[in-house]
Amino acid sequence: MAYLVVLFQVLTDLFRDRSTSGAIKAVWVFCLIFLPVLTSLVYLLVRGRGMAERAVGSAVAAQEQTEAYIRSVASGGTSPTDEIARAKALLDSGAITQEEYDALKARVLSFA
């Protein structure tokens, strides 16, 4: 069971690495098929440090994408400029006070 986890981690890392050419990836996969235990150990020794860095980079990128999506959905898909312009129109029409406008503007700018 542990070997399968290592094998899948090696394969995932191998295809996550954009700096490795397709030919090198093919050689690693070929070796993983015909000499799986030895190849896995060599891969971990040679590229183990990079595995951790790529995993962290991938997790950070996924988190940033999720946060950007949540911000875009929370703001209704409008830009901060549009939100401020709408608030200014409400202020000019007398629908909100200057304090309410300032609070709306501060909220919009904190998400930008």
N, C-alpha and C. Protein backbone atom coordinates (compact mmCIF):
# COMPACT_ATOMS: atom_id res chain seq x y z
N MET A 1 0.82 -1.19 0.00
CA MET A 1 0.00 0.00 0.00
C MET A 1 0.87 1.26 0.00
N ALA A 2 1.90 1.27 0.81
CA ALA A 2 2.78 2.44 0.88
C ALA A 2 3.48 2.65 -0.46
N TYR A 3 3.85 1.56 -1.13
CA TYR A 3 4.51 1.70 -2.42
C TYR A 3 3.59 2.40 -3.42
N LEU A 4 2.30 2.04 -3.42
CA LEU A 4 1.35 2.67 -4.34
C LEU A 4 1.23 4.16 -4.08
N VAL A 5 1.25 4.55 -2.82
CA VAL A 5 1.20 5.97 -2.48
C VAL A 5 2.43 6.68 -3.03
N VAL A 6 3.60 6.08 -2.84
CA VAL A 6 4.84 6.67 -3.36
C VAL A 6 4.80 6.74 -4.88
N LEU A 7 4.32 5.67 -5.52
CA LEU A 7 4.25 5.64 -6.98
C LEU A 7 3.35 6.76 -7.51
N PHE A 8 2.19 6.93 -6.90
CA PHE A 8 1.28 7.99 -7.35
C PHE A 8 1.85 9.38 -7.06
N GLN A 9 2.56 9.53 -5.96
CA GLN A 9 3.20 10.82 -5.66
C GLN A 9 4.29 11.13 -6.69
N VAL A 10 5.06 10.12 -7.05
CA VAL A 10 6.11 10.31 -8.05
C VAL A 10 5.50 10.68 -9.39
N LEU A 11 4.47 9.97 -9.81
CA LEU A 11 3.82 10.27 -11.09
C LEU A 11 3.18 11.65 -11.08
N THR A 12 2.52 12.00 -9.99
CA THR A 12 1.91 13.32 -9.88
C THR A 12 2.97 14.41 -9.96
N ASP A 13 4.05 14.23 -9.24
CA ASP A 13 5.12 15.22 -9.26
C ASP A 13 5.76 15.30 -10.63
N LEU A 14 5.95 14.18 -11.26
CA LEU A 14 6.58 14.14 -12.57
C LEU A 14 5.79 14.95 -13.58
N PHE A 15 4.48 14.82 -13.58
CA PHE A 15 3.67 15.55 -14.55
C PHE A 15 3.34 16.97 -14.09
N ARG A 16 3.54 17.28 -12.83
CA ARG A 16 3.35 18.65 -12.33
C ARG A 16 4.53 19.54 -12.71
N ASP A 17 5.71 18.95 -12.86
CA ASP A 17 6.92 19.71 -13.14
C ASP A 17 6.95 20.15 -14.60
N ARG A 18 6.80 21.44 -14.82
CA ARG A 18 6.77 21.97 -16.18
C ARG A 18 8.16 22.18 -16.76
N SER A 19 9.19 22.13 -15.93
CA SER A 19 10.54 22.35 -16.43
C SER A 19 11.17 21.08 -17.00
N THR A 20 10.56 19.93 -16.75
CA THR A 20 11.07 18.67 -17.28
C THR A 20 10.46 18.40 -18.65
N SER A 21 11.30 18.02 -19.59
CA SER A 21 10.83 17.79 -20.96
C SER A 21 10.00 16.50 -21.04
N GLY A 22 9.25 16.39 -22.10
CA GLY A 22 8.42 15.21 -22.32
C GLY A 22 9.24 13.94 -22.47
N ALA A 23 10.41 14.04 -23.08
CA ALA A 23 11.27 12.87 -23.26
C ALA A 23 11.77 12.35 -21.92
N ILE A 24 12.17 13.25 -21.06
CA ILE A 24 12.64 12.84 -19.73
C ILE A 24 11.50 12.22 -18.94
N LYS A 25 10.31 12.80 -19.04
CA LYS A 25 9.15 12.22 -18.36
C LYS A 25 8.87 10.81 -18.87
N ALA A 26 8.99 10.62 -20.17
CA ALA A 26 8.77 9.30 -20.75
C ALA A 26 9.78 8.29 -20.22
N VAL A 27 11.04 8.71 -20.08
CA VAL A 27 12.07 7.81 -19.55
C VAL A 27 11.74 7.42 -18.11
N TRP A 28 11.34 8.41 -17.29
CA TRP A 28 10.98 8.11 -15.90
C TRP A 28 9.80 7.14 -15.84
N VAL A 29 8.78 7.36 -16.65
CA VAL A 29 7.60 6.48 -16.65
C VAL A 29 8.00 5.08 -17.11
N PHE A 30 8.83 4.99 -18.15
CA PHE A 30 9.30 3.70 -18.63
C PHE A 30 10.02 2.95 -17.51
N CYS A 31 10.91 3.65 -16.83
CA CYS A 31 11.64 3.02 -15.72
C CYS A 31 10.71 2.65 -14.57
N LEU A 32 9.71 3.48 -14.31
CA LEU A 32 8.75 3.15 -13.25
C LEU A 32 7.96 1.88 -13.57
N ILE A 33 7.73 1.64 -14.83
CA ILE A 33 6.99 0.44 -15.23
C ILE A 33 7.86 -0.81 -15.11
N PHE A 34 9.11 -0.74 -15.55
CA PHE A 34 9.95 -1.93 -15.60
C PHE A 34 10.84 -2.14 -14.38
N LEU A 35 11.20 -1.09 -13.67
CA LEU A 35 11.99 -1.18 -12.43
C LEU A 35 11.35 -0.27 -11.38
N PRO A 36 10.14 -0.59 -10.94
CA PRO A 36 9.38 0.37 -10.13
C PRO A 36 10.00 0.74 -8.78
N VAL A 37 10.47 -0.21 -8.03
CA VAL A 37 10.98 0.10 -6.69
C VAL A 37 12.29 0.88 -6.80
N LEU A 38 13.20 0.42 -7.63
CA LEU A 38 14.48 1.10 -7.80
C LEU A 38 14.28 2.51 -8.35
N THR A 39 13.43 2.64 -9.35
CA THR A 39 13.18 3.95 -9.96
C THR A 39 12.55 4.91 -8.96
N SER A 40 11.63 4.42 -8.15
CA SER A 40 10.99 5.28 -7.15
C SER A 40 12.02 5.79 -6.14
N LEU A 41 12.89 4.90 -5.70
CA LEU A 41 13.93 5.31 -4.74
C LEU A 41 14.88 6.32 -5.36
N VAL A 42 15.31 6.08 -6.60
CA VAL A 42 16.20 7.01 -7.28
C VAL A 42 15.51 8.36 -7.47
N TYR A 43 14.25 8.33 -7.87
CA TYR A 43 13.50 9.57 -8.07
C TYR A 43 13.43 10.37 -6.77
N LEU A 44 13.12 9.69 -5.68
CA LEU A 44 13.02 10.38 -4.39
C LEU A 44 14.37 10.96 -3.96
N LEU A 45 15.45 10.25 -4.24
CA LEU A 45 16.77 10.76 -3.88
C LEU A 45 17.18 11.94 -4.76
N VAL A 46 16.92 11.84 -6.04
CA VAL A 46 17.37 12.87 -6.97
C VAL A 46 16.47 14.09 -6.95
N ARG A 47 15.16 13.88 -6.90
CA ARG A 47 14.22 14.99 -7.06
C ARG A 47 13.32 15.20 -5.85
N GLY A 48 13.66 14.64 -4.72
CA GLY A 48 12.81 14.71 -3.52
C GLY A 48 12.57 16.12 -3.01
N ARG A 49 13.62 16.93 -2.97
CA ARG A 49 13.47 18.31 -2.49
C ARG A 49 12.54 19.10 -3.40
N GLY A 50 12.69 18.92 -4.68
CA GLY A 50 11.84 19.61 -5.64
C GLY A 50 10.39 19.17 -5.54
N MET A 51 10.18 17.91 -5.15
CA MET A 51 8.81 17.41 -4.99
C MET A 51 8.06 18.23 -3.97
N ALA A 52 8.68 18.48 -2.84
CA ALA A 52 8.03 19.25 -1.78
C ALA A 52 7.76 20.68 -2.23
N GLU A 53 8.73 21.28 -2.91
CA GLU A 53 8.55 22.66 -3.38
C GLU A 53 7.43 22.76 -4.40
N ARG A 54 7.35 21.80 -5.32
CA ARG A 54 6.27 21.82 -6.32
C ARG A 54 4.92 21.56 -5.69
N ALA A 55 4.87 20.70 -4.68
CA ALA A 55 3.60 20.43 -3.99
C ALA A 55 3.11 21.67 -3.27
N VAL A 56 4.01 22.36 -2.59
CA VAL A 56 3.64 23.60 -1.90
C VAL A 56 3.22 24.67 -2.90
N GLY A 57 3.96 24.80 -3.98
CA GLY A 57 3.62 25.78 -5.01
C GLY A 57 2.25 25.51 -5.62
N SER A 58 1.96 24.25 -5.84
CA SER A 58 0.65 23.89 -6.39
C SER A 58 -0.47 24.19 -5.40
N ALA A 59 -0.24 23.91 -4.13
CA ALA A 59 -1.25 24.19 -3.11
C ALA A 59 -1.48 25.69 -2.96
N VAL A 60 -0.41 26.47 -2.99
CA VAL A 60 -0.55 27.92 -2.88
C VAL A 60 -1.30 28.49 -4.08
N ALA A 61 -0.97 28.00 -5.27
CA ALA A 61 -1.65 28.47 -6.47
C ALA A 61 -3.14 28.13 -6.43
N ALA A 62 -3.46 26.93 -5.98
CA ALA A 62 -4.87 26.53 -5.87
C ALA A 62 -5.60 27.40 -4.86
N GLN A 63 -4.95 27.71 -3.74
CA GLN A 63 -5.56 28.56 -2.71
C GLN A 63 -5.80 29.97 -3.25
N GLU A 64 -4.83 30.51 -3.99
CA GLU A 64 -4.98 31.85 -4.55
C GLU A 64 -6.11 31.90 -5.57
N GLN A 65 -6.22 30.86 -6.39
CA GLN A 65 -7.31 30.80 -7.36
C GLN A 65 -8.66 30.72 -6.67
N THR A 66 -8.74 29.93 -5.61
CA THR A 66 -9.98 29.81 -4.86
C THR A 66 -10.37 31.14 -4.23
N GLU A 67 -9.40 31.82 -3.62
CA GLU A 67 -9.68 33.12 -3.00
C GLU A 67 -10.10 34.16 -4.04
N ALA A 68 -9.47 34.16 -5.20
CA ALA A 68 -9.84 35.10 -6.26
C ALA A 68 -11.26 34.83 -6.74
N TYR A 69 -11.61 33.56 -6.86
CA TYR A 69 -12.97 33.21 -7.28
C TYR A 69 -13.98 33.66 -6.24
N ILE A 70 -13.69 33.42 -4.98
CA ILE A 70 -14.62 33.80 -3.91
C ILE A 70 -14.79 35.32 -3.88
N ARG A 71 -13.68 36.07 -4.04
CA ARG A 71 -13.79 37.53 -4.08
C ARG A 71 -14.64 37.99 -5.25
N SER A 72 -14.46 37.37 -6.41
CA SER A 72 -15.23 37.80 -7.59
C SER A 72 -16.70 37.48 -7.42
N VAL A 73 -17.03 36.35 -6.80
CA VAL A 73 -18.43 36.00 -6.58
C VAL A 73 -19.04 36.88 -5.49
N ALA A 74 -18.27 37.15 -4.45
CA ALA A 74 -18.77 37.97 -3.35
C ALA A 74 -19.06 39.40 -3.79
N SER A 75 -18.28 39.90 -4.73
CA SER A 75 -18.49 41.27 -5.18
C SER A 75 -19.53 41.34 -6.30
N GLY A 76 -20.11 40.22 -6.65
CA GLY A 76 -21.14 40.21 -7.68
C GLY A 76 -20.57 40.30 -9.08
N GLY A 77 -19.29 40.05 -9.22
CA GLY A 77 -18.66 40.08 -10.53
C GLY A 77 -18.35 41.48 -11.03
N THR A 78 -18.53 42.48 -10.17
CA THR A 78 -18.24 43.85 -10.58
C THR A 78 -16.89 44.26 -10.04
N SER A 79 -16.31 45.25 -10.66
CA SER A 79 -15.01 45.74 -10.22
C SER A 79 -15.20 46.71 -9.05
N PRO A 80 -14.15 46.93 -8.28
CA PRO A 80 -14.24 47.91 -7.18
C PRO A 80 -14.63 49.30 -7.68
N THR A 81 -14.17 49.66 -8.87
CA THR A 81 -14.52 50.97 -9.43
C THR A 81 -16.03 51.08 -9.65
N ASP A 82 -16.64 50.01 -10.18
CA ASP A 82 -18.09 50.00 -10.40
C ASP A 82 -18.85 50.12 -9.08
N GLU A 83 -18.37 49.41 -8.06
CA GLU A 83 -19.02 49.47 -6.75
C GLU A 83 -18.97 50.88 -6.17
N ILE A 84 -17.81 51.51 -6.28
CA ILE A 84 -17.66 52.87 -5.74
C ILE A 84 -18.52 53.84 -6.54
N ALA A 85 -18.59 53.66 -7.85
CA ALA A 85 -19.42 54.54 -8.69
C ALA A 85 -20.90 54.41 -8.32
N ARG A 86 -21.34 53.18 -8.05
CA ARG A 86 -22.73 52.99 -7.62
C ARG A 86 -22.99 53.64 -6.27
N ALA A 87 -22.03 53.48 -5.36
CA ALA A 87 -22.19 54.11 -4.05
C ALA A 87 -22.21 55.63 -4.17
N LYS A 88 -21.39 56.18 -5.05
CA LYS A 88 -21.35 57.63 -5.26
C LYS A 88 -22.68 58.13 -5.84
N ALA A 89 -23.26 57.34 -6.76
CA ALA A 89 -24.57 57.71 -7.32
C ALA A 89 -25.63 57.71 -6.22
N LEU A 90 -25.57 56.74 -5.31
CA LEU A 90 -26.52 56.72 -4.19
C LEU A 90 -26.32 57.92 -3.28
N LEU A 91 -25.05 58.30 -3.06
CA LEU A 91 -24.76 59.47 -2.23
C LEU A 91 -25.30 60.74 -2.89
N ASP A 92 -25.05 60.88 -4.19
CA ASP A 92 -25.51 62.06 -4.91
C ASP A 92 -27.03 62.17 -4.95
N SER A 93 -27.69 61.02 -4.98
CA SER A 93 -29.17 61.04 -5.02
C SER A 93 -29.77 61.25 -3.63
N GLY A 94 -28.95 61.19 -2.59
CA GLY A 94 -29.43 61.38 -1.23
C GLY A 94 -29.93 60.11 -0.58
N ALA A 95 -29.74 58.96 -1.23
CA ALA A 95 -30.22 57.70 -0.68
C ALA A 95 -29.37 57.23 0.50
N ILE A 96 -28.10 57.62 0.52
CA ILE A 96 -27.23 57.27 1.64
C ILE A 96 -26.50 58.52 2.11
N THR A 97 -25.99 58.45 3.33
CA THR A 97 -25.26 59.58 3.90
C THR A 97 -23.77 59.49 3.55
N GLN A 98 -23.04 60.55 3.85
CA GLN A 98 -21.60 60.55 3.60
C GLN A 98 -20.91 59.46 4.40
N GLU A 99 -21.35 59.21 5.64
CA GLU A 99 -20.75 58.18 6.47
C GLU A 99 -20.98 56.79 5.87
N GLU A 100 -22.19 56.56 5.36
CA GLU A 100 -22.49 55.27 4.73
C GLU A 100 -21.66 55.08 3.46
N TYR A 101 -21.50 56.16 2.70
CA TYR A 101 -20.68 56.11 1.49
C TYR A 101 -19.23 55.76 1.85
N ASP A 102 -18.70 56.43 2.88
CA ASP A 102 -17.32 56.16 3.29
C ASP A 102 -17.15 54.71 3.75
N ALA A 103 -18.15 54.18 4.46
CA ALA A 103 -18.09 52.79 4.92
C ALA A 103 -18.13 51.82 3.73
N LEU A 104 -19.01 52.08 2.77
CA LEU A 104 -19.09 51.23 1.57
C LEU A 104 -17.78 51.28 0.79
N LYS A 105 -17.23 52.47 0.64
CA LYS A 105 -15.98 52.64 -0.10
C LYS A 105 -14.84 51.89 0.60
N ALA A 106 -14.77 52.01 1.92
CA ALA A 106 -13.72 51.31 2.66
C ALA A 106 -13.87 49.79 2.53
N ARG A 107 -15.10 49.29 2.55
CA ARG A 107 -15.34 47.85 2.42
C ARG A 107 -14.91 47.37 1.04
N VAL A 108 -15.29 48.11 0.01
CA VAL A 108 -14.93 47.71 -1.36
C VAL A 108 -13.41 47.74 -1.54
N LEU A 109 -12.76 48.76 -1.03
CA LEU A 109 -11.32 48.86 -1.19
C LEU A 109 -10.57 47.81 -0.38
N SER A 110 -11.16 47.32 0.71
CA SER A 110 -10.48 46.29 1.49
C SER A 110 -10.48 44.96 0.77
N PHE A 111 -11.44 44.73 -0.15
CA PHE A 111 -11.47 43.48 -0.91
C PHE A 111 -10.64 43.57 -2.18
N ALA A 112 -10.28 44.77 -2.60
CA ALA A 112 -9.55 44.95 -3.86
C ALA A 112 -8.11 44.52 -3.73
